[in-house]
Amino acid sequence: MIHHYRRALTWSAVVTAFGLGSAGYAPAASAGNGVPAVGTAVHHREPSNGFSPRAPWNTKLPAHVPQAPNSRAVVANILQDEQDNYGSWGVNTVEYSAPVFTVDRSTPRTAWTFSDCLDMPELAPVIADSLKAVPTPANLIAAQGTDEAVVIYEPDTDTYWDFWRAEKDASGHWSACWGGEIKHYDHNLGIFPNPLGATATGLPMGAFLIRPEELAAGHIDHAVNISVVRTRADCFSWPATRDDGNTAGADLPCEGQRFRLDPSFDVSTLRSPAARTIARAMQEYGLILTDKAGAVVTQAEDPRPIAAANGGVDPYDLLFDPSGTYPESLSHYVLLNDIPIDRLQALPLNYGEPPWYRRVLSQ
């Protein structure tokens, strides 16, 4: 039996609480202090994730796009992953996601340590520049789960970092096993130079994380991500720069491959306003496969810094389930279940790759 759970705050109170400073919305939106009321149309002069308007994340799909010749088979494998692993399409927030910290020039910069958790000391000089001067706020935390990811953005210098297996020791010193730094963030296509970046694909988490403010506004103006259990070995598609594919098979999805939700699917049939907002983004901007995971998941910003500043209230509880139908811990796992995975469409590998991109890489 499903019980209805009372919420600690009203919807409007939680929405009002989203206007935070040090740990808030996407980098480009960091100057704004307020959050629009639910359902308010939002017109962004720049993409809300802060990356270049030309970035694949921020480029709307045309009405008619080609599908990969094996699209149905690829999508069938994703559906199989969903059925074989918990039977749901989850939204990762606190675990296996990342908190986003927007900092300023007053934030102390510290030299982080390369932890070398993979026993590959030859990588130390590759990541050295990214670790040497990281703005590190006192309240910095990493996501729960073994990935321990974190995102940091400094608008004053337009510089972005994300790290994997970021850990603070007993003395307060931070280290990371991998990650990277992006300078001139607002001109970047949302791609780390190979082999940097916290994800296995070199795609920055700040480009695709769903934010509470976006759900409150009822609009996401960038592609979201999807991670699946089986990804094709030795295969990656633009905009990915690398992969950690784990399974042989021509009909498995490649990391970096772009998908979209069938635009003829009626999103008004979805029960949750948040699900409808996410589904529209999947139709308009698509989904990009960013990593492999233990289940089929999409990632949203870790809300713990937001909750810490607002009486411990997790904004997603009310955004995902405004009627209070499910226990808080369950709404994350049922939110996307009404979006039919078999209505996804796989686009051809390297869809949208600019003709100049590989020439630049080869220089």
Protein backbone atom coordinates (compact mmCIF):
# COMPACT_ATOMS: atom_id res chain seq x y z
CA MET A 1 0.00 0.00 0.00
CA ILE A 2 1.28 3.46 -0.90
CA HIS A 3 0.87 6.11 1.77
CA HIS A 4 0.69 9.85 1.33
CA TYR A 5 3.48 11.67 3.12
CA ARG A 6 3.16 15.18 4.48
CA ARG A 7 5.81 17.67 3.44
CA ALA A 8 7.68 19.90 5.86
CA LEU A 9 7.29 22.98 3.65
CA THR A 10 4.87 24.13 0.99
CA TRP A 11 5.87 24.04 -2.67
CA SER A 12 6.27 27.82 -2.79
CA ALA A 13 8.47 27.80 0.30
CA VAL A 14 10.80 25.22 -1.17
CA VAL A 15 10.99 27.08 -4.48
CA THR A 16 11.82 30.30 -2.65
CA ALA A 17 14.56 28.49 -0.76
CA PHE A 18 16.41 27.65 -4.00
CA GLY A 19 17.96 31.12 -4.34
CA LEU A 20 21.33 30.21 -2.84
CA GLY A 21 24.84 31.58 -3.22
CA SER A 22 27.78 29.22 -2.76
CA ALA A 23 26.13 26.00 -3.86
CA GLY A 24 23.40 26.63 -6.31
CA TYR A 25 22.39 26.62 -9.92
CA ALA A 26 24.28 26.31 -13.16
CA PRO A 27 27.31 28.58 -13.55
CA ALA A 28 25.71 30.99 -16.01
CA ALA A 29 22.83 31.58 -13.62
CA SER A 30 24.95 32.20 -10.53
CA ALA A 31 24.27 35.97 -10.54
CA GLY A 32 20.52 35.48 -10.01
CA ASN A 33 19.27 35.36 -6.44
CA GLY A 34 15.67 34.37 -7.02
CA VAL A 35 13.92 31.44 -8.66
CA PRO A 36 10.89 31.91 -10.92
CA ALA A 37 7.56 30.63 -9.70
CA VAL A 38 6.59 27.17 -10.84
CA GLY A 39 5.45 27.18 -14.45
CA THR A 40 6.89 30.61 -15.26
CA ALA A 41 8.35 30.82 -18.75
CA VAL A 42 12.09 31.45 -18.56
CA HIS A 43 14.03 33.04 -21.43
CA HIS A 44 17.77 32.61 -21.13
CA ARG A 45 20.15 34.95 -22.93
CA GLU A 46 22.76 32.23 -22.50
CA PRO A 47 22.45 28.47 -21.98
CA SER A 48 21.62 27.74 -18.37
CA ASN A 49 24.52 25.32 -18.03
CA GLY A 50 26.94 28.12 -18.93
CA PHE A 51 28.64 26.38 -21.84
CA SER A 52 28.80 27.73 -25.38
CA PRO A 53 25.48 28.07 -27.23
CA ARG A 54 27.15 25.94 -29.93
CA ALA A 55 27.73 23.09 -27.51
CA PRO A 56 25.94 19.84 -28.37
CA TRP A 57 24.23 20.06 -24.98
CA ASN A 58 22.67 23.38 -25.91
CA THR A 59 21.70 22.68 -29.50
CA LYS A 60 18.06 21.82 -30.07
CA LEU A 61 17.42 18.83 -32.27
CA PRO A 62 15.66 19.58 -35.56
CA ALA A 63 12.15 18.28 -36.08
CA HIS A 64 13.44 15.48 -38.27
CA VAL A 65 16.70 13.76 -37.36
CA PRO A 66 18.16 10.55 -38.77
CA GLN A 67 18.12 7.48 -36.59
CA ALA A 68 20.95 4.99 -36.32
CA PRO A 69 20.32 1.99 -38.60
CA ASN A 70 20.21 -0.23 -35.50
CA SER A 71 18.28 2.22 -33.33
CA ARG A 72 15.58 -0.26 -32.34
CA ALA A 73 18.12 -2.89 -31.31
CA VAL A 74 20.19 -0.39 -29.31
CA VAL A 75 17.12 0.89 -27.49
CA ALA A 76 15.98 -2.69 -26.85
CA ASN A 77 19.27 -3.32 -25.06
CA ILE A 78 18.76 -0.24 -22.89
CA LEU A 79 15.26 -1.48 -22.06
CA GLN A 80 16.76 -4.85 -21.16
CA ASP A 81 19.23 -3.14 -18.83
CA GLU A 82 16.32 -1.39 -17.14
CA GLN A 83 14.32 -4.60 -16.75
CA ASP A 84 17.29 -6.59 -15.45
CA ASN A 85 18.45 -3.97 -12.96
CA TYR A 86 15.83 -2.83 -10.45
CA GLY A 87 13.15 -2.44 -13.11
CA SER A 88 13.27 1.35 -13.02
CA TRP A 89 14.83 4.39 -14.66
CA GLY A 90 16.18 6.24 -11.66
CA VAL A 91 17.29 9.81 -11.02
CA ASN A 92 20.55 9.97 -9.10
CA THR A 93 20.80 12.92 -6.74
CA VAL A 94 22.69 12.33 -3.48
CA GLU A 95 24.46 9.17 -4.61
CA TYR A 96 26.42 8.86 -7.87
CA SER A 97 25.77 12.44 -8.91
CA ALA A 98 27.62 15.63 -7.93
CA PRO A 99 27.03 18.74 -5.84
CA VAL A 100 27.68 22.03 -7.65
CA PHE A 101 29.63 24.74 -5.82
CA THR A 102 29.78 28.23 -7.33
CA VAL A 103 32.64 30.16 -5.73
CA ASP A 104 34.29 33.58 -6.03
CA ARG A 105 37.75 35.11 -5.80
CA SER A 106 37.60 35.14 -2.02
CA THR A 107 37.42 31.34 -1.89
CA PRO A 108 40.78 29.93 -0.79
CA ARG A 109 42.71 28.14 -3.51
CA THR A 110 44.48 25.00 -2.39
CA ALA A 111 46.71 22.43 -4.04
CA TRP A 112 44.91 19.11 -4.17
CA THR A 113 46.75 15.78 -4.20
CA PHE A 114 46.54 13.19 -6.97
CA SER A 115 45.40 10.08 -5.08
CA ASP A 116 46.30 7.57 -7.83
CA CYS A 117 43.54 5.13 -6.88
CA LEU A 118 44.04 3.33 -10.20
CA ASP A 119 47.74 2.70 -9.57
CA MET A 120 48.73 4.65 -12.68
CA PRO A 121 51.39 7.10 -11.51
CA GLU A 122 52.10 8.11 -15.10
CA LEU A 123 48.85 10.11 -14.99
CA ALA A 124 50.09 12.44 -12.26
CA PRO A 125 51.61 15.02 -14.63
CA VAL A 126 48.50 14.91 -16.84
CA ILE A 127 46.23 16.15 -14.08
CA ALA A 128 48.78 18.25 -12.21
CA ASP A 129 47.65 21.63 -13.59
CA SER A 130 44.02 20.86 -12.73
CA LEU A 131 44.92 20.16 -9.10
CA LYS A 132 47.43 22.87 -8.34
CA ALA A 133 45.04 25.72 -7.40
CA VAL A 134 41.49 24.58 -6.75
CA PRO A 135 39.06 27.01 -5.06
CA THR A 136 37.97 24.97 -2.06
CA PRO A 137 35.10 26.30 0.06
CA ALA A 138 34.92 25.19 3.69
CA ASN A 139 31.59 23.45 3.13
CA LEU A 140 32.79 21.44 0.12
CA ILE A 141 31.48 17.89 -0.06
CA ALA A 142 31.56 15.16 -2.70
CA ALA A 143 28.68 12.95 -3.74
CA GLN A 144 27.99 9.77 -1.83
CA GLY A 145 28.84 6.47 -3.48
CA THR A 146 32.19 5.25 -4.74
CA ASP A 147 32.43 7.88 -7.50
CA GLU A 148 32.57 10.77 -4.98
CA ALA A 149 32.21 13.42 -7.68
CA VAL A 150 32.09 17.18 -7.17
CA VAL A 151 31.69 20.22 -9.45
CA ILE A 152 33.25 23.63 -8.77
CA TYR A 153 32.78 26.78 -10.84
CA GLU A 154 34.40 30.20 -10.41
CA PRO A 155 32.58 32.85 -12.48
CA ASP A 156 35.22 35.51 -11.77
CA THR A 157 37.73 33.57 -13.84
CA ASP A 158 35.21 31.58 -15.91
CA THR A 159 36.89 28.36 -14.80
CA TYR A 160 35.29 25.00 -14.11
CA TRP A 161 36.51 21.87 -12.34
CA ASP A 162 35.02 18.48 -11.77
CA PHE A 163 36.66 15.64 -9.86
CA TRP A 164 36.17 11.91 -9.39
CA ARG A 165 36.85 10.17 -6.08
CA ALA A 166 37.33 13.50 -4.37
CA GLU A 167 38.12 12.95 -0.70
CA LYS A 168 39.01 15.09 2.32
CA ASP A 169 41.38 13.60 4.88
CA ALA A 170 41.38 14.09 8.64
CA SER A 171 43.49 17.23 8.34
CA GLY A 172 41.06 18.81 5.86
CA HIS A 173 43.25 18.29 2.79
CA TRP A 174 41.51 17.32 -0.47
CA SER A 175 42.64 14.82 -3.07
CA ALA A 176 41.15 13.37 -6.25
CA CYS A 177 41.86 10.31 -8.36
CA TRP A 178 40.82 12.05 -11.57
CA GLY A 179 39.02 15.05 -13.00
CA GLY A 180 40.01 18.19 -14.82
CA GLU A 181 39.84 21.93 -15.28
CA ILE A 182 38.20 23.91 -18.09
CA LYS A 183 39.24 27.52 -18.67
CA HIS A 184 37.07 29.91 -20.69
CA TYR A 185 34.07 27.86 -19.69
CA ASP A 186 31.49 29.92 -21.54
CA HIS A 187 33.28 29.31 -24.86
CA ASN A 188 33.72 25.59 -24.27
CA LEU A 189 31.60 23.01 -26.11
CA GLY A 190 31.08 21.02 -22.92
CA ILE A 191 33.96 18.64 -23.63
CA PHE A 192 37.11 18.09 -21.60
CA PRO A 193 40.37 17.68 -23.49
CA ASN A 194 41.20 13.99 -23.52
CA PRO A 195 41.84 12.32 -21.07
CA LEU A 196 40.59 14.78 -18.43
CA GLY A 197 37.20 14.95 -16.73
CA ALA A 198 35.39 13.08 -13.97
CA THR A 199 33.17 11.01 -16.26
CA ALA A 200 34.41 8.08 -18.31
CA THR A 201 33.54 9.99 -21.48
CA GLY A 202 35.30 13.27 -20.70
CA LEU A 203 31.94 15.05 -20.65
CA PRO A 204 31.58 17.63 -17.83
CA MET A 205 28.90 16.96 -15.26
CA GLY A 206 28.03 20.65 -15.22
CA ALA A 207 26.80 20.34 -18.79
CA PHE A 208 24.07 17.81 -18.15
CA LEU A 209 23.07 17.74 -14.48
CA ILE A 210 19.40 18.55 -13.94
CA ARG A 211 19.03 21.41 -11.44
CA PRO A 212 16.23 22.05 -8.94
CA GLU A 213 15.77 25.55 -10.36
CA GLU A 214 15.12 24.14 -13.80
CA LEU A 215 12.43 21.82 -12.49
CA ALA A 216 10.85 24.65 -10.50
CA ALA A 217 10.82 26.83 -13.63
CA GLY A 218 9.36 24.01 -15.70
CA HIS A 219 12.06 24.25 -18.36
CA ILE A 220 15.43 22.60 -19.05
CA ASP A 221 17.28 24.17 -21.97
CA HIS A 222 20.02 21.61 -22.46
CA ALA A 223 20.40 17.91 -23.13
CA VAL A 224 20.28 15.62 -20.12
CA ASN A 225 22.30 12.46 -19.64
CA ILE A 226 21.61 8.77 -19.43
CA SER A 227 23.86 6.04 -18.05
CA VAL A 228 23.22 2.37 -18.67
CA VAL A 229 24.60 -0.94 -17.44
CA ARG A 230 26.08 -2.29 -20.67
CA THR A 231 27.98 -0.01 -23.02
CA ARG A 232 29.73 -1.13 -26.16
CA ALA A 233 33.39 -1.94 -25.63
CA ASP A 234 35.97 0.14 -27.51
CA CYS A 235 33.39 2.53 -28.90
CA PHE A 236 32.69 6.17 -28.23
CA SER A 237 30.75 8.77 -30.16
CA TRP A 238 31.13 12.52 -30.33
CA PRO A 239 31.01 14.50 -28.08
CA ALA A 240 32.72 11.85 -25.90
CA THR A 241 36.52 11.76 -26.08
CA ARG A 242 36.95 8.28 -24.60
CA ASP A 243 34.99 5.37 -23.15
CA ASP A 244 35.05 2.60 -20.58
CA GLY A 245 32.74 0.30 -22.53
CA ASN A 246 32.36 -3.09 -20.91
CA THR A 247 30.50 -5.37 -23.33
CA ALA A 248 31.07 -6.56 -26.90
CA GLY A 249 28.12 -6.23 -29.25
CA ALA A 250 27.26 -4.12 -32.28
CA ASP A 251 23.79 -3.29 -30.94
CA LEU A 252 24.88 -1.94 -27.58
CA PRO A 253 24.93 1.83 -27.11
CA CYS A 254 28.27 3.62 -27.40
CA GLU A 255 29.28 6.13 -24.77
CA GLY A 256 28.71 9.65 -26.05
CA GLN A 257 25.90 8.49 -28.35
CA ARG A 258 22.96 10.86 -28.58
CA PHE A 259 19.35 9.81 -28.12
CA ARG A 260 16.04 11.57 -28.07
CA LEU A 261 12.59 10.78 -26.78
CA ASP A 262 10.15 10.33 -29.64
CA PRO A 263 8.70 13.83 -30.14
CA SER A 264 5.26 12.32 -30.76
CA PHE A 265 5.14 10.97 -27.20
CA ASP A 266 2.55 12.93 -25.23
CA VAL A 267 4.40 14.25 -22.17
CA SER A 268 1.13 15.50 -20.67
CA THR A 269 0.38 11.88 -19.75
CA LEU A 270 3.18 11.95 -17.16
CA ARG A 271 1.93 12.45 -13.62
CA SER A 272 4.74 14.55 -12.19
CA PRO A 273 5.46 18.10 -13.41
CA ALA A 274 9.17 17.33 -13.00
CA ALA A 275 8.86 14.26 -15.23
CA ARG A 276 7.10 16.34 -17.86
CA THR A 277 9.87 18.94 -17.75
CA ILE A 278 12.58 16.31 -18.11
CA ALA A 279 10.72 14.51 -20.90
CA ARG A 280 10.36 17.74 -22.90
CA ALA A 281 14.12 18.30 -22.62
CA MET A 282 14.65 14.76 -23.88
CA GLN A 283 12.50 15.58 -26.90
CA GLU A 284 13.94 19.02 -27.62
CA TYR A 285 17.63 18.56 -26.77
CA GLY A 286 17.97 14.81 -26.36
CA LEU A 287 19.97 12.61 -24.04
CA ILE A 288 23.68 11.84 -24.22
CA LEU A 289 25.14 8.61 -22.85
CA THR A 290 27.82 9.80 -20.45
CA ASP A 291 28.87 6.70 -18.51
CA LYS A 292 28.01 3.19 -17.48
CA ALA A 293 26.24 2.54 -14.19
CA GLY A 294 24.67 -0.18 -12.06
CA ALA A 295 21.21 0.69 -13.42
CA VAL A 296 19.59 2.91 -16.02
CA VAL A 297 19.85 6.40 -14.51
CA THR A 298 19.82 10.10 -15.25
CA GLN A 299 21.69 12.49 -12.97
CA ALA A 300 20.53 15.59 -11.14
CA GLU A 301 22.51 17.98 -8.96
CA ASP A 302 23.27 16.67 -5.48
CA PRO A 303 20.90 18.71 -3.26
CA ARG A 304 22.70 18.34 0.09
CA PRO A 305 24.36 21.79 0.06
CA ILE A 306 20.96 23.29 -0.79
CA ALA A 307 19.27 21.32 1.97
CA ALA A 308 21.96 22.27 4.48
CA ALA A 309 21.20 25.94 3.90
CA ASN A 310 17.44 25.43 4.14
CA GLY A 311 16.66 23.46 7.26
CA GLY A 312 17.55 20.07 5.84
CA VAL A 313 14.77 20.09 3.23
CA ASP A 314 15.65 18.18 0.06
CA PRO A 315 14.04 20.20 -2.77
CA TYR A 316 13.60 17.13 -4.94
CA ASP A 317 11.12 15.53 -2.55
CA LEU A 318 8.50 18.11 -3.43
CA LEU A 319 9.61 18.72 -7.01
CA PHE A 320 9.51 15.03 -7.91
CA ASP A 321 6.34 14.23 -5.98
CA PRO A 322 4.26 17.34 -5.20
CA SER A 323 1.24 15.29 -4.15
CA GLY A 324 3.23 13.38 -1.52
CA THR A 325 2.22 10.03 -2.98
CA TYR A 326 5.51 8.23 -2.34
CA PRO A 327 8.03 8.04 0.49
CA GLU A 328 10.84 10.50 -0.17
CA SER A 329 13.33 7.73 -0.88
CA LEU A 330 11.06 6.18 -3.50
CA SER A 331 10.15 9.18 -5.65
CA HIS A 332 13.64 9.26 -7.20
CA TYR A 333 13.14 5.76 -8.56
CA VAL A 334 9.63 6.12 -9.94
CA LEU A 335 9.80 9.63 -11.41
CA LEU A 336 10.86 8.56 -14.90
CA ASN A 337 9.15 5.20 -14.99
CA ASP A 338 6.24 6.54 -17.03
CA ILE A 339 8.64 7.63 -19.77
CA PRO A 340 8.73 4.60 -22.07
CA ILE A 341 12.32 3.62 -22.79
CA ASP A 342 11.18 1.89 -25.97
CA ARG A 343 10.18 5.32 -27.30
CA LEU A 344 13.80 6.48 -27.23
CA GLN A 345 15.51 6.90 -30.59
CA ALA A 346 19.23 6.31 -31.08
CA LEU A 347 20.88 8.84 -33.37
CA PRO A 348 23.79 7.87 -35.62
CA LEU A 349 27.22 7.74 -34.04
CA ASN A 350 28.96 11.14 -34.02
CA TYR A 351 25.69 12.89 -34.80
CA GLY A 352 26.22 16.66 -34.90
CA GLU A 353 30.01 16.55 -34.86
CA PRO A 354 31.31 19.70 -36.57
CA PRO A 355 33.49 18.98 -39.60
CA TRP A 356 36.31 21.07 -38.12
CA TYR A 357 36.38 19.22 -34.80
CA ARG A 358 38.69 16.36 -35.72
CA ARG A 359 41.00 18.70 -37.59
CA VAL A 360 41.45 20.71 -34.42
CA LEU A 361 42.10 17.57 -32.39
CA SER A 362 44.75 16.42 -34.82
CA GLN A 363 46.72 19.69 -34.69
